[in-house]
């Protein structure tokens, strides 16, 4: 199923609609397509796009400095929402390493916390649950 920009704005109501447009223009995610009608170009978004927007929203809340790099590395296609996203950094703020960690390897997250200066962990199944619930409420 595809969603219009107005439906996406309703699903992600805490995020300003212009912010979502800005994220798309910055290449954090791509819409599923568009069509033209009398009002202009109507963008449509797939469920995978909604998951990508949810991930970008979480990374934005956590002040991740390389959202474009993370999204292009791991989520340029349909995102695998059955993992943790682990981003580690060191004293140099310009160097981040991101990887997907299967849910069963929580010890890897603990090891990353103990040896890195900064760590961002995004629970992707939780993001998926949040997006799915928002879709149901706004359907």
C-alpha atoms as a PDB file:
ATOM      1  CA  UNK A   1       0.000   0.000   0.000  1.00  0.00           C
ATOM      2  CA  UNK A   2       1.185   3.508  -0.762  1.00  0.00           C
ATOM      3  CA  UNK A   3       0.683   6.636   1.333  1.00  0.00           C
ATOM      4  CA  UNK A   4       0.463  10.289   0.299  1.00  0.00           C
ATOM      5  CA  UNK A   5       2.481  13.043   1.944  1.00  0.00           C
ATOM      6  CA  UNK A   6      -0.570  14.130   3.968  1.00  0.00           C
ATOM      7  CA  UNK A   7      -0.949  10.578   5.320  1.00  0.00           C
ATOM      8  CA  UNK A   8       2.781  10.454   6.125  1.00  0.00           C
ATOM      9  CA  UNK A   9       2.463  13.766   7.980  1.00  0.00           C
ATOM     10  CA  UNK A  10      -0.411  12.318  10.025  1.00  0.00           C
ATOM     11  CA  UNK A  11       1.580   9.170  10.838  1.00  0.00           C
ATOM     12  CA  UNK A  12       4.657  11.159  11.905  1.00  0.00           C
ATOM     13  CA  UNK A  13       2.807  14.088  13.490  1.00  0.00           C
ATOM     14  CA  UNK A  14       5.546  14.847  16.059  1.00  0.00           C
ATOM     15  CA  UNK A  15       7.896  15.537  13.121  1.00  0.00           C
ATOM     16  CA  UNK A  16       7.158  18.734  11.195  1.00  0.00           C
ATOM     17  CA  UNK A  17       6.080  18.087   7.589  1.00  0.00           C
ATOM     18  CA  UNK A  18       8.792  20.382   6.220  1.00  0.00           C
ATOM     19  CA  UNK A  19      11.385  18.365   8.133  1.00  0.00           C
ATOM     20  CA  UNK A  20      10.284  15.185   6.368  1.00  0.00           C
ATOM     21  CA  UNK A  21      10.514  16.957   2.999  1.00  0.00           C
ATOM     22  CA  UNK A  22      13.988  18.218   3.939  1.00  0.00           C
ATOM     23  CA  UNK A  23      15.109  14.687   4.862  1.00  0.00           C
ATOM     24  CA  UNK A  24      13.921  13.439   1.483  1.00  0.00           C
ATOM     25  CA  UNK A  25      15.755  16.239  -0.346  1.00  0.00           C
ATOM     26  CA  UNK A  26      18.924  15.428   1.608  1.00  0.00           C
ATOM     27  CA  UNK A  27      18.705  11.834   0.351  1.00  0.00           C
ATOM     28  CA  UNK A  28      18.018  10.138   3.683  1.00  0.00           C
ATOM     29  CA  UNK A  29      15.262   8.133   1.953  1.00  0.00           C
ATOM     30  CA  UNK A  30      13.504   8.014  -1.405  1.00  0.00           C
ATOM     31  CA  UNK A  31       9.778   8.095  -1.989  1.00  0.00           C
ATOM     32  CA  UNK A  32       8.153   5.166  -3.764  1.00  0.00           C
ATOM     33  CA  UNK A  33       7.181   7.329  -6.724  1.00  0.00           C
ATOM     34  CA  UNK A  34       4.902  10.135  -7.750  1.00  0.00           C
ATOM     35  CA  UNK A  35       2.097  11.007 -10.098  1.00  0.00           C
ATOM     36  CA  UNK A  36       0.766  14.267 -11.432  1.00  0.00           C
ATOM     37  CA  UNK A  37      -2.713  15.639 -11.029  1.00  0.00           C
ATOM     38  CA  UNK A  38      -4.235  19.111 -11.351  1.00  0.00           C
ATOM     39  CA  UNK A  39      -2.495  20.265  -8.153  1.00  0.00           C
ATOM     40  CA  UNK A  40       0.995  19.223  -9.187  1.00  0.00           C
ATOM     41  CA  UNK A  41       3.276  16.331  -8.293  1.00  0.00           C
ATOM     42  CA  UNK A  42       1.859  13.970  -5.660  1.00  0.00           C
ATOM     43  CA  UNK A  43       4.527  11.901  -3.910  1.00  0.00           C
ATOM     44  CA  UNK A  44       3.649   8.440  -2.664  1.00  0.00           C
ATOM     45  CA  UNK A  45       5.456   6.474   0.039  1.00  0.00           C
ATOM     46  CA  UNK A  46       5.599   2.736   0.676  1.00  0.00           C
ATOM     47  CA  UNK A  47       5.627   1.014   4.068  1.00  0.00           C
ATOM     48  CA  UNK A  48       9.402   0.585   3.683  1.00  0.00           C
ATOM     49  CA  UNK A  49       9.682   4.365   3.213  1.00  0.00           C
ATOM     50  CA  UNK A  50       7.729   4.827   6.444  1.00  0.00           C
ATOM     51  CA  UNK A  51      10.193   2.575   8.270  1.00  0.00           C
ATOM     52  CA  UNK A  52      13.056   4.611   6.799  1.00  0.00           C
ATOM     53  CA  UNK A  53      11.424   7.843   7.985  1.00  0.00           C
ATOM     54  CA  UNK A  54      11.018   6.292  11.443  1.00  0.00           C
ATOM     55  CA  UNK A  55      14.721   5.395  11.543  1.00  0.00           C
ATOM     56  CA  UNK A  56      15.724   8.899  10.421  1.00  0.00           C
ATOM     57  CA  UNK A  57      13.440  10.387  13.091  1.00  0.00           C
ATOM     58  CA  UNK A  58      15.152   8.291  15.781  1.00  0.00           C
ATOM     59  CA  UNK A  59      18.648   9.153  14.532  1.00  0.00           C
ATOM     60  CA  UNK A  60      17.678  12.809  14.442  1.00  0.00           C
ATOM     61  CA  UNK A  61      16.416  12.697  18.034  1.00  0.00           C
ATOM     62  CA  UNK A  62      19.730  11.119  19.057  1.00  0.00           C
ATOM     63  CA  UNK A  63      21.710  13.876  17.265  1.00  0.00           C
ATOM     64  CA  UNK A  64      23.490  11.452  14.931  1.00  0.00           C
ATOM     65  CA  UNK A  65      25.908  13.426  12.782  1.00  0.00           C
ATOM     66  CA  UNK A  66      26.010  11.037   9.801  1.00  0.00           C
ATOM     67  CA  UNK A  67      22.393  10.172   9.075  1.00  0.00           C
ATOM     68  CA  UNK A  68      22.998  10.168   5.309  1.00  0.00           C
ATOM     69  CA  UNK A  69      25.908   7.738   5.632  1.00  0.00           C
ATOM     70  CA  UNK A  70      24.017   5.396   7.937  1.00  0.00           C
ATOM     71  CA  UNK A  71      20.910   5.386   5.762  1.00  0.00           C
ATOM     72  CA  UNK A  72      22.838   4.810   2.513  1.00  0.00           C
ATOM     73  CA  UNK A  73      24.938   2.046   4.109  1.00  0.00           C
ATOM     74  CA  UNK A  74      22.142   0.033   5.685  1.00  0.00           C
ATOM     75  CA  UNK A  75      18.714   1.212   4.571  1.00  0.00           C
ATOM     76  CA  UNK A  76      18.861   2.229   0.908  1.00  0.00           C
ATOM     77  CA  UNK A  77      16.557  -0.680   0.064  1.00  0.00           C
ATOM     78  CA  UNK A  78      13.838  -2.307   2.158  1.00  0.00           C
ATOM     79  CA  UNK A  79      15.092  -2.046   5.738  1.00  0.00           C
ATOM     80  CA  UNK A  80      15.634  -5.186   7.814  1.00  0.00           C
ATOM     81  CA  UNK A  81      13.797  -4.210  10.979  1.00  0.00           C
ATOM     82  CA  UNK A  82      14.833  -7.320  12.961  1.00  0.00           C
ATOM     83  CA  UNK A  83      18.136  -5.922  14.210  1.00  0.00           C
ATOM     84  CA  UNK A  84      19.639  -3.255  16.403  1.00  0.00           C
ATOM     85  CA  UNK A  85      21.420  -0.419  14.655  1.00  0.00           C
ATOM     86  CA  UNK A  86      24.693   0.175  16.484  1.00  0.00           C
ATOM     87  CA  UNK A  87      26.705   3.331  15.807  1.00  0.00           C
ATOM     88  CA  UNK A  88      29.994   3.836  17.602  1.00  0.00           C
ATOM     89  CA  UNK A  89      32.362   6.760  17.631  1.00  0.00           C
ATOM     90  CA  UNK A  90      35.632   7.829  19.169  1.00  0.00           C
ATOM     91  CA  UNK A  91      37.064  11.115  20.411  1.00  0.00           C
ATOM     92  CA  UNK A  92      37.038  12.498  16.863  1.00  0.00           C
ATOM     93  CA  UNK A  93      33.416  13.504  16.259  1.00  0.00           C
ATOM     94  CA  UNK A  94      33.772  13.113  12.478  1.00  0.00           C
ATOM     95  CA  UNK A  95      34.350   9.350  12.567  1.00  0.00           C
ATOM     96  CA  UNK A  96      31.385   7.051  13.146  1.00  0.00           C
ATOM     97  CA  UNK A  97      31.085   3.334  12.447  1.00  0.00           C
ATOM     98  CA  UNK A  98      27.637   1.831  12.001  1.00  0.00           C
ATOM     99  CA  UNK A  99      26.501  -1.758  11.704  1.00  0.00           C
ATOM    100  CA  UNK A 100      23.402  -3.866  12.133  1.00  0.00           C
ATOM    101  CA  UNK A 101      23.513  -6.231  15.092  1.00  0.00           C
ATOM    102  CA  UNK A 102      21.107  -9.196  15.255  1.00  0.00           C
ATOM    103  CA  UNK A 103      18.865  -9.142  18.307  1.00  0.00           C
ATOM    104  CA  UNK A 104      20.485 -12.273  19.744  1.00  0.00           C
ATOM    105  CA  UNK A 105      23.927 -10.574  19.976  1.00  0.00           C
ATOM    106  CA  UNK A 106      23.217  -8.071  22.742  1.00  0.00           C
ATOM    107  CA  UNK A 107      26.681  -8.736  24.202  1.00  0.00           C
ATOM    108  CA  UNK A 108      28.194  -6.996  21.176  1.00  0.00           C
ATOM    109  CA  UNK A 109      26.336  -3.834  22.182  1.00  0.00           C
ATOM    110  CA  UNK A 110      27.676  -4.072  25.736  1.00  0.00           C
ATOM    111  CA  UNK A 111      31.221  -4.501  24.366  1.00  0.00           C
ATOM    112  CA  UNK A 112      30.774  -1.446  22.126  1.00  0.00           C
ATOM    113  CA  UNK A 113      29.616   0.638  25.080  1.00  0.00           C
ATOM    114  CA  UNK A 114      32.651  -0.337  27.104  1.00  0.00           C
ATOM    115  CA  UNK A 115      35.254   0.489  24.432  1.00  0.00           C
ATOM    116  CA  UNK A 116      33.804   3.487  22.535  1.00  0.00           C
ATOM    117  CA  UNK A 117      33.575   7.129  23.455  1.00  0.00           C
ATOM    118  CA  UNK A 118      30.081   7.481  22.030  1.00  0.00           C
ATOM    119  CA  UNK A 119      27.449   4.886  21.186  1.00  0.00           C
ATOM    120  CA  UNK A 120      24.034   5.175  19.557  1.00  0.00           C
ATOM    121  CA  UNK A 121      21.754   2.147  19.654  1.00  0.00           C
ATOM    122  CA  UNK A 122      18.455   2.139  17.765  1.00  0.00           C
ATOM    123  CA  UNK A 123      16.059  -0.698  18.526  1.00  0.00           C
ATOM    124  CA  UNK A 124      14.686  -1.282  15.011  1.00  0.00           C
ATOM    125  CA  UNK A 125      11.894  -3.691  16.083  1.00  0.00           C
ATOM    126  CA  UNK A 126      10.638  -0.938  18.401  1.00  0.00           C
ATOM    127  CA  UNK A 127      10.690   1.583  15.532  1.00  0.00           C
ATOM    128  CA  UNK A 128       8.767  -0.916  13.374  1.00  0.00           C
ATOM    129  CA  UNK A 129       6.162  -1.401  16.115  1.00  0.00           C
ATOM    130  CA  UNK A 130       5.814   2.376  16.532  1.00  0.00           C
ATOM    131  CA  UNK A 131       5.371   2.942  12.772  1.00  0.00           C
ATOM    132  CA  UNK A 132       2.926   0.029  12.419  1.00  0.00           C
ATOM    133  CA  UNK A 133       0.843   1.339  15.321  1.00  0.00           C
ATOM    134  CA  UNK A 134       0.838   4.848  13.838  1.00  0.00           C
ATOM    135  CA  UNK A 135      -0.308   3.443  10.492  1.00  0.00           C
ATOM    136  CA  UNK A 136      -3.220   1.630  12.168  1.00  0.00           C
ATOM    137  CA  UNK A 137      -4.292   4.728  14.106  1.00  0.00           C
ATOM    138  CA  UNK A 138      -4.186   6.927  10.995  1.00  0.00           C
ATOM    139  CA  UNK A 139      -5.622   4.415   8.494  1.00  0.00           C
END
